[in-house]
Amino acid sequence: MFNFANPFKLRERGIMGMNQRNFSYIGRYNDRSLYPNVDDKLKTKNLALEHNVAVPDLIGIVRYQHDVKQVFDILNQHNGFCIKPAKGSGGKGILVILQTDDNGYKKASGEYVSHDEVIRHISNILAGLFSLGGAADVAVIEALIEFDPIFEGLSHEGVPDIRLIVFQGYPMMAMLRLATHASDGKANLHQGAVGVGIDIATGKAKRAVQYDCPIEIHPDTGKSLTEVEINNWQRLLTLAAGCYEMSGLKYLGADIVLDKQKGPLVLELNARPGLAIQIANGMGMLPRLKQIEALNHRRGASIAARVEYAQTHFNN
């Protein structure tokens, strides 16, 4: 574990802080005019489809308040679905329904949401309650993700996802994010989710943390976190690397889910990915970032070449 009281030790281990991330990487490499490509989930999805990047199926959009009640014409055709704000952040405003029956709309927690509560939730999205800056928003309705069986017992009341940091098209650090009771089924580490550092070369677990402290078993399910190995790992890395061309951003976070039937799908992208991934991996990002910066002769490398480089050189 890192000694946060000693900045010299942090520097020795290549830990990147927020100021350095903001000025040396986000500010330097990400053109602000491209932020809407990732800050708006609907725009991200449309870009992904244009670039043949796999994403969850879009089943509906609600743009105006007078259309809210008509949304049930769409919802009643699906047993499960996910409603999210197009411009939301940090998992706010996401409503996942696993099942629809006579009692209403069933969440992963087992609790039911009523017809009126769905209307209220969508109205809150449109009013900008969950959006960046409180701006008026759009409700995006996606098909339910059936997560891969390898995650059975590894996530509590929520869909696990894989966060990858991609720099200049190279996937350079990864972690698996697992929901817990403390995180209310969300995959956000600051809310109590579990972060599992993943070896870029193999897709195997390195270590796991919750609230920045090492753990070995899931706090709710008791499942071991040390034996995790992600299926379709190279395909997943290829998908993440392709988000560089899709978004135009040189420093980004790609959140990917593994669907039981469709394999890896890009859930969303982030122009300002957090730094907790360093804690999950037990190492800093700076050495890898600087290594990629030094690859001037490799500008224009193919996605396959970038993935191969990452798996060859970032294997510890």
Protein backbone atom coordinates (compact mmCIF):
# COMPACT_ATOMS: atom_id res chain seq x y z
CA MET A 1 0.00 0.00 0.00
CA PHE A 2 1.17 3.49 -0.76
CA ASN A 3 2.46 5.81 1.93
CA PHE A 4 0.36 8.88 1.15
CA ALA A 5 2.25 10.97 3.72
CA ASN A 6 5.50 10.65 1.78
CA PRO A 7 5.50 12.38 -1.63
CA PHE A 8 9.04 11.16 -2.35
CA LYS A 9 7.95 7.53 -2.04
CA LEU A 10 4.99 8.21 -4.32
CA ARG A 11 7.29 9.74 -6.91
CA GLU A 12 9.63 6.75 -6.72
CA ARG A 13 6.72 4.43 -7.48
CA GLY A 14 5.56 6.50 -10.44
CA ILE A 15 2.28 7.56 -8.87
CA MET A 16 0.50 10.30 -10.80
CA GLY A 17 -1.45 12.88 -8.80
CA MET A 18 -4.49 14.84 -9.88
CA ASN A 19 -2.66 18.06 -10.74
CA GLN A 20 -0.15 16.23 -12.90
CA ARG A 21 -2.96 14.29 -14.60
CA ASN A 22 -4.91 17.48 -15.29
CA PHE A 23 -2.05 19.60 -16.63
CA SER A 24 0.45 17.12 -18.11
CA TYR A 25 -1.97 14.69 -19.71
CA ILE A 26 -5.62 15.77 -19.87
CA GLY A 27 -4.86 19.45 -20.53
CA ARG A 28 -1.94 18.73 -22.83
CA TYR A 29 -3.33 15.87 -24.91
CA ASN A 30 -7.13 16.21 -24.92
CA ASP A 31 -8.64 18.85 -27.18
CA ARG A 32 -11.55 20.34 -25.23
CA SER A 33 -13.63 20.58 -28.39
CA LEU A 34 -13.74 16.77 -28.38
CA TYR A 35 -15.12 16.43 -24.84
CA PRO A 36 -18.75 16.27 -26.07
CA ASN A 37 -17.79 13.03 -27.84
CA VAL A 38 -17.57 11.33 -24.45
CA ASP A 39 -19.53 13.60 -22.10
CA ASP A 40 -22.72 12.86 -24.04
CA LYS A 41 -23.46 9.10 -23.96
CA LEU A 42 -25.82 9.34 -26.90
CA LYS A 43 -23.15 11.00 -29.04
CA THR A 44 -20.62 8.39 -27.87
CA LYS A 45 -22.97 5.61 -28.93
CA ASN A 46 -23.52 7.14 -32.37
CA LEU A 47 -19.77 7.58 -32.87
CA ALA A 48 -19.21 3.98 -31.80
CA LEU A 49 -21.69 2.71 -34.37
CA GLU A 50 -19.98 4.79 -37.08
CA HIS A 51 -16.61 3.24 -36.15
CA ASN A 52 -17.91 -0.34 -35.73
CA VAL A 53 -17.19 -0.25 -31.99
CA ALA A 54 -19.49 -2.64 -30.12
CA VAL A 55 -21.90 -1.00 -27.62
CA PRO A 56 -25.10 -2.07 -25.79
CA ASP A 57 -28.21 -1.88 -27.98
CA LEU A 58 -30.11 1.42 -27.92
CA ILE A 59 -33.84 0.75 -27.54
CA GLY A 60 -35.20 4.23 -26.90
CA ILE A 61 -34.61 7.95 -26.33
CA VAL A 62 -36.77 10.43 -24.41
CA ARG A 63 -35.99 14.05 -25.24
CA TYR A 64 -39.06 15.97 -24.07
CA GLN A 65 -41.30 15.95 -21.02
CA HIS A 66 -44.47 15.46 -23.08
CA ASP A 67 -43.02 12.15 -24.36
CA VAL A 68 -42.32 10.66 -20.93
CA LYS A 69 -45.55 8.70 -20.56
CA GLN A 70 -45.19 7.27 -24.07
CA VAL A 71 -41.93 5.60 -22.97
CA PHE A 72 -43.92 2.63 -21.70
CA ASP A 73 -44.72 1.71 -25.30
CA ILE A 74 -41.00 0.89 -25.49
CA LEU A 75 -40.45 -0.47 -21.98
CA ASN A 76 -43.35 -2.91 -22.17
CA GLN A 77 -41.60 -4.67 -25.05
CA HIS A 78 -38.61 -5.53 -22.85
CA ASN A 79 -38.42 -7.58 -19.68
CA GLY A 80 -35.28 -5.71 -18.56
CA PHE A 81 -33.62 -2.44 -19.52
CA CYS A 82 -31.38 0.40 -18.35
CA ILE A 83 -32.37 4.09 -18.24
CA LYS A 84 -29.53 6.61 -17.94
CA PRO A 85 -28.89 10.34 -18.44
CA ALA A 86 -26.97 11.09 -21.63
CA LYS A 87 -24.79 13.63 -19.80
CA GLY A 88 -24.59 11.97 -16.39
CA SER A 89 -21.37 11.16 -14.53
CA GLY A 90 -20.19 8.97 -11.68
CA GLY A 91 -23.02 6.48 -12.15
CA LYS A 92 -25.65 9.03 -11.09
CA GLY A 93 -29.16 8.68 -12.47
CA ILE A 94 -28.73 5.14 -13.81
CA LEU A 95 -31.77 2.92 -13.28
CA VAL A 96 -31.28 -0.77 -14.08
CA ILE A 97 -34.37 -2.97 -14.26
CA LEU A 98 -33.80 -6.73 -14.36
CA GLN A 99 -37.39 -7.87 -14.60
CA THR A 100 -40.88 -6.56 -15.26
CA ASP A 101 -43.90 -8.24 -13.64
CA ASP A 102 -47.23 -7.51 -11.98
CA ASN A 103 -45.44 -5.89 -9.00
CA GLY A 104 -43.69 -3.32 -11.18
CA TYR A 105 -40.09 -2.97 -12.29
CA LYS A 106 -37.59 -5.06 -10.32
CA LYS A 107 -34.09 -3.77 -9.58
CA ALA A 108 -31.03 -5.95 -8.88
CA SER A 109 -31.50 -5.32 -5.14
CA GLY A 110 -34.90 -7.01 -5.32
CA GLU A 111 -36.74 -3.75 -4.70
CA TYR A 112 -39.51 -2.71 -7.06
CA VAL A 113 -39.95 0.61 -8.84
CA SER A 114 -43.49 1.69 -9.67
CA HIS A 115 -44.83 3.07 -12.94
CA ASP A 116 -44.98 6.55 -11.40
CA GLU A 117 -41.41 6.27 -10.07
CA VAL A 118 -40.14 5.48 -13.57
CA ILE A 119 -41.92 8.59 -14.87
CA ARG A 120 -40.43 10.69 -12.05
CA HIS A 121 -36.94 9.31 -12.71
CA ILE A 122 -37.07 10.13 -16.41
CA SER A 123 -38.47 13.60 -15.66
CA ASN A 124 -35.55 14.20 -13.28
CA ILE A 125 -33.11 13.18 -16.02
CA LEU A 126 -34.69 15.60 -18.50
CA ALA A 127 -34.54 18.39 -15.91
CA GLY A 128 -30.77 17.89 -15.56
CA LEU A 129 -30.79 16.53 -12.01
CA PHE A 130 -27.96 14.09 -12.84
CA SER A 131 -26.19 15.89 -15.69
CA LEU A 132 -22.86 17.67 -15.69
CA GLY A 133 -23.51 21.28 -14.70
CA GLY A 134 -27.24 20.66 -14.24
CA ALA A 135 -28.01 21.26 -17.91
CA ALA A 136 -31.20 19.88 -19.47
CA ASP A 137 -30.62 16.30 -20.56
CA VAL A 138 -31.91 13.35 -22.57
CA ALA A 139 -32.91 9.93 -21.18
CA VAL A 140 -31.19 7.04 -22.97
CA ILE A 141 -32.74 3.57 -22.75
CA GLU A 142 -30.47 0.59 -23.42
CA ALA A 143 -30.98 -3.14 -23.61
CA LEU A 144 -30.10 -5.02 -20.43
CA ILE A 145 -26.59 -6.43 -20.26
CA GLU A 146 -26.34 -10.12 -19.35
CA PHE A 147 -22.92 -10.26 -17.77
CA ASP A 148 -20.53 -13.10 -18.51
CA PRO A 149 -20.80 -16.18 -16.21
CA ILE A 150 -17.15 -15.75 -15.17
CA PHE A 151 -18.33 -12.89 -12.95
CA GLU A 152 -20.81 -15.03 -11.04
CA GLY A 153 -20.46 -14.19 -7.34
CA LEU A 154 -18.00 -11.39 -8.04
CA SER A 155 -20.41 -8.48 -8.16
CA HIS A 156 -23.26 -7.70 -5.78
CA GLU A 157 -26.48 -6.19 -7.19
CA GLY A 158 -24.74 -4.67 -10.19
CA VAL A 159 -23.01 -5.29 -13.51
CA PRO A 160 -19.20 -5.50 -13.29
CA ASP A 161 -17.14 -3.49 -15.75
CA ILE A 162 -13.51 -3.14 -16.81
CA ARG A 163 -11.91 0.32 -16.76
CA LEU A 164 -8.94 0.74 -19.10
CA ILE A 165 -6.72 3.81 -19.38
CA VAL A 166 -5.83 4.34 -23.04
CA PHE A 167 -3.02 6.75 -23.93
CA GLN A 168 -2.33 7.65 -27.56
CA GLY A 169 -4.19 4.50 -28.52
CA TYR A 170 -2.24 2.16 -26.20
CA PRO A 171 -4.21 0.37 -23.45
CA MET A 172 -1.79 0.85 -20.54
CA MET A 173 -3.55 0.02 -17.26
CA ALA A 174 -6.72 -1.89 -16.37
CA MET A 175 -8.94 -2.76 -13.44
CA LEU A 176 -12.13 -4.71 -12.90
CA ARG A 177 -14.77 -2.80 -10.92
CA LEU A 178 -17.18 -4.87 -8.84
CA ALA A 179 -20.33 -3.58 -7.19
CA THR A 180 -20.98 -4.15 -3.48
CA HIS A 181 -23.79 -3.55 -1.02
CA ALA A 182 -21.86 -0.50 0.21
CA SER A 183 -21.72 0.94 -3.32
CA ASP A 184 -25.47 0.34 -3.80
CA GLY A 185 -24.86 -1.85 -6.83
CA LYS A 186 -22.71 0.79 -8.57
CA ALA A 187 -19.19 0.14 -9.85
CA ASN A 188 -17.72 3.37 -8.44
CA LEU A 189 -14.73 2.83 -6.14
CA HIS A 190 -15.31 6.02 -4.16
CA GLN A 191 -18.76 4.68 -3.25
CA GLY A 192 -17.39 1.39 -1.93
CA ALA A 193 -17.05 -0.80 -5.01
CA VAL A 194 -14.13 -3.24 -5.25
CA GLY A 195 -11.28 -2.51 -7.67
CA VAL A 196 -9.28 -5.46 -9.00
CA GLY A 197 -6.03 -4.64 -10.75
CA ILE A 198 -5.73 -6.59 -14.01
CA ASP A 199 -2.51 -7.61 -15.76
CA ILE A 200 -2.56 -6.05 -19.24
CA ALA A 201 -0.63 -8.98 -20.70
CA THR A 202 -2.91 -11.80 -19.50
CA GLY A 203 -6.22 -10.44 -18.21
CA LYS A 204 -5.55 -12.04 -14.82
CA ALA A 205 -6.10 -10.42 -11.42
CA LYS A 206 -3.09 -8.88 -9.68
CA ARG A 207 -4.60 -7.58 -6.44
CA ALA A 208 -7.87 -6.14 -5.12
CA VAL A 209 -8.82 -3.16 -2.96
CA GLN A 210 -11.88 -1.65 -1.31
CA TYR A 211 -11.71 1.83 0.22
CA ASP A 212 -8.01 1.82 -0.84
CA CYS A 213 -7.26 -1.20 1.42
CA PRO A 214 -6.17 -4.63 0.10
CA ILE A 215 -8.75 -7.43 0.21
CA GLU A 216 -8.81 -11.00 -1.12
CA ILE A 217 -12.50 -11.92 -1.07
CA HIS A 218 -15.63 -10.04 -2.13
CA PRO A 219 -17.12 -8.44 1.01
CA ASP A 220 -20.68 -9.53 0.18
CA THR A 221 -20.35 -12.83 -1.66
CA GLY A 222 -17.17 -14.27 -0.11
CA LYS A 223 -15.87 -15.12 -3.60
CA SER A 224 -12.09 -15.09 -4.06
CA LEU A 225 -10.79 -12.08 -5.98
CA THR A 226 -7.30 -13.47 -6.58
CA GLU A 227 -8.26 -16.06 -9.20
CA VAL A 228 -10.12 -13.78 -11.61
CA GLU A 229 -9.22 -14.17 -15.28
CA ILE A 230 -11.18 -12.19 -17.88
CA ASN A 231 -12.38 -13.95 -21.04
CA ASN A 232 -11.82 -12.48 -24.50
CA TRP A 233 -9.03 -10.32 -23.07
CA GLN A 234 -7.27 -9.52 -26.35
CA ARG A 235 -10.60 -8.70 -27.99
CA LEU A 236 -11.36 -6.40 -25.06
CA LEU A 237 -7.99 -4.62 -25.40
CA THR A 238 -8.59 -4.20 -29.12
CA LEU A 239 -11.99 -2.64 -28.43
CA ALA A 240 -10.48 -0.22 -25.89
CA ALA A 241 -7.58 0.74 -28.19
CA GLY A 242 -10.04 1.55 -30.99
CA CYS A 243 -11.73 4.15 -28.77
CA TYR A 244 -8.73 6.41 -29.48
CA GLU A 245 -9.65 6.77 -33.15
CA MET A 246 -13.36 6.89 -32.33
CA SER A 247 -13.20 9.73 -29.80
CA GLY A 248 -10.11 11.63 -30.95
CA LEU A 249 -8.96 11.83 -27.32
CA LYS A 250 -5.37 10.88 -26.59
CA TYR A 251 -5.87 10.28 -22.85
CA LEU A 252 -9.10 8.54 -21.90
CA GLY A 253 -10.80 5.95 -19.75
CA ALA A 254 -12.81 3.23 -21.50
CA ASP A 255 -15.44 1.37 -19.47
CA ILE A 256 -16.21 -2.02 -20.99
CA VAL A 257 -18.66 -4.75 -20.01
CA LEU A 258 -18.61 -8.42 -20.95
CA ASP A 259 -21.99 -9.54 -22.25
CA LYS A 260 -22.83 -13.24 -22.10
CA GLN A 261 -23.92 -13.34 -25.75
CA LYS A 262 -22.16 -10.41 -27.43
CA GLY A 263 -18.80 -10.31 -25.67
CA PRO A 264 -17.05 -7.00 -24.86
CA LEU A 265 -19.16 -3.83 -25.24
CA VAL A 266 -18.10 -0.23 -24.64
CA LEU A 267 -20.33 1.15 -21.90
CA GLU A 268 -18.95 4.69 -21.89
CA LEU A 269 -15.79 6.78 -22.28
CA ASN A 270 -14.28 9.34 -19.94
CA ALA A 271 -12.03 12.28 -20.81
CA ARG A 272 -11.05 12.71 -17.14
CA PRO A 273 -10.62 9.16 -15.76
CA GLY A 274 -9.86 8.86 -12.05
CA LEU A 275 -6.59 7.76 -10.48
CA ALA A 276 -7.77 4.93 -8.19
CA ILE A 277 -6.71 2.46 -10.87
CA GLN A 278 -3.14 2.96 -9.59
CA ILE A 279 -4.15 1.76 -6.13
CA ALA A 280 -5.96 -1.26 -7.55
CA ASN A 281 -2.83 -2.22 -9.50
CA GLY A 282 -0.36 -1.37 -6.72
CA MET A 283 1.71 0.75 -9.08
CA GLY A 284 1.82 4.17 -10.72
CA MET A 285 0.95 5.07 -14.31
CA LEU A 286 3.78 7.52 -14.95
CA PRO A 287 6.44 5.03 -16.14
CA ARG A 288 4.05 3.61 -18.73
CA LEU A 289 2.82 7.03 -19.83
CA LYS A 290 6.39 8.25 -20.32
CA GLN A 291 7.28 5.06 -22.20
CA ILE A 292 4.44 5.65 -24.65
CA GLU A 293 5.40 9.32 -25.01
CA ALA A 294 8.86 8.18 -26.11
CA LEU A 295 7.44 6.10 -28.99
CA ASN A 296 7.70 8.87 -31.59
CA HIS A 297 8.64 6.34 -34.27
CA ARG A 298 5.43 4.40 -33.67
CA ARG A 299 2.97 7.19 -34.46
CA GLY A 300 0.25 5.80 -36.72
CA ALA A 301 0.67 2.23 -35.47
CA SER A 302 -2.31 -0.04 -36.07
CA ILE A 303 -4.67 -1.07 -33.29
CA ALA A 304 -3.29 -4.60 -33.38
CA ALA A 305 0.30 -3.31 -33.11
CA ARG A 306 -0.60 -1.08 -30.16
CA VAL A 307 -2.30 -3.94 -28.32
CA GLU A 308 0.68 -6.22 -28.98
CA TYR A 309 3.07 -3.57 -27.64
CA ALA A 310 1.01 -3.11 -24.47
CA GLN A 311 0.81 -6.84 -23.78
CA THR A 312 4.54 -7.25 -24.40
CA HIS A 313 5.82 -4.27 -22.42
CA PHE A 314 3.25 -3.77 -19.65
CA ASN A 315 3.35 -7.27 -18.18
CA ASN A 316 4.06 -6.65 -14.52
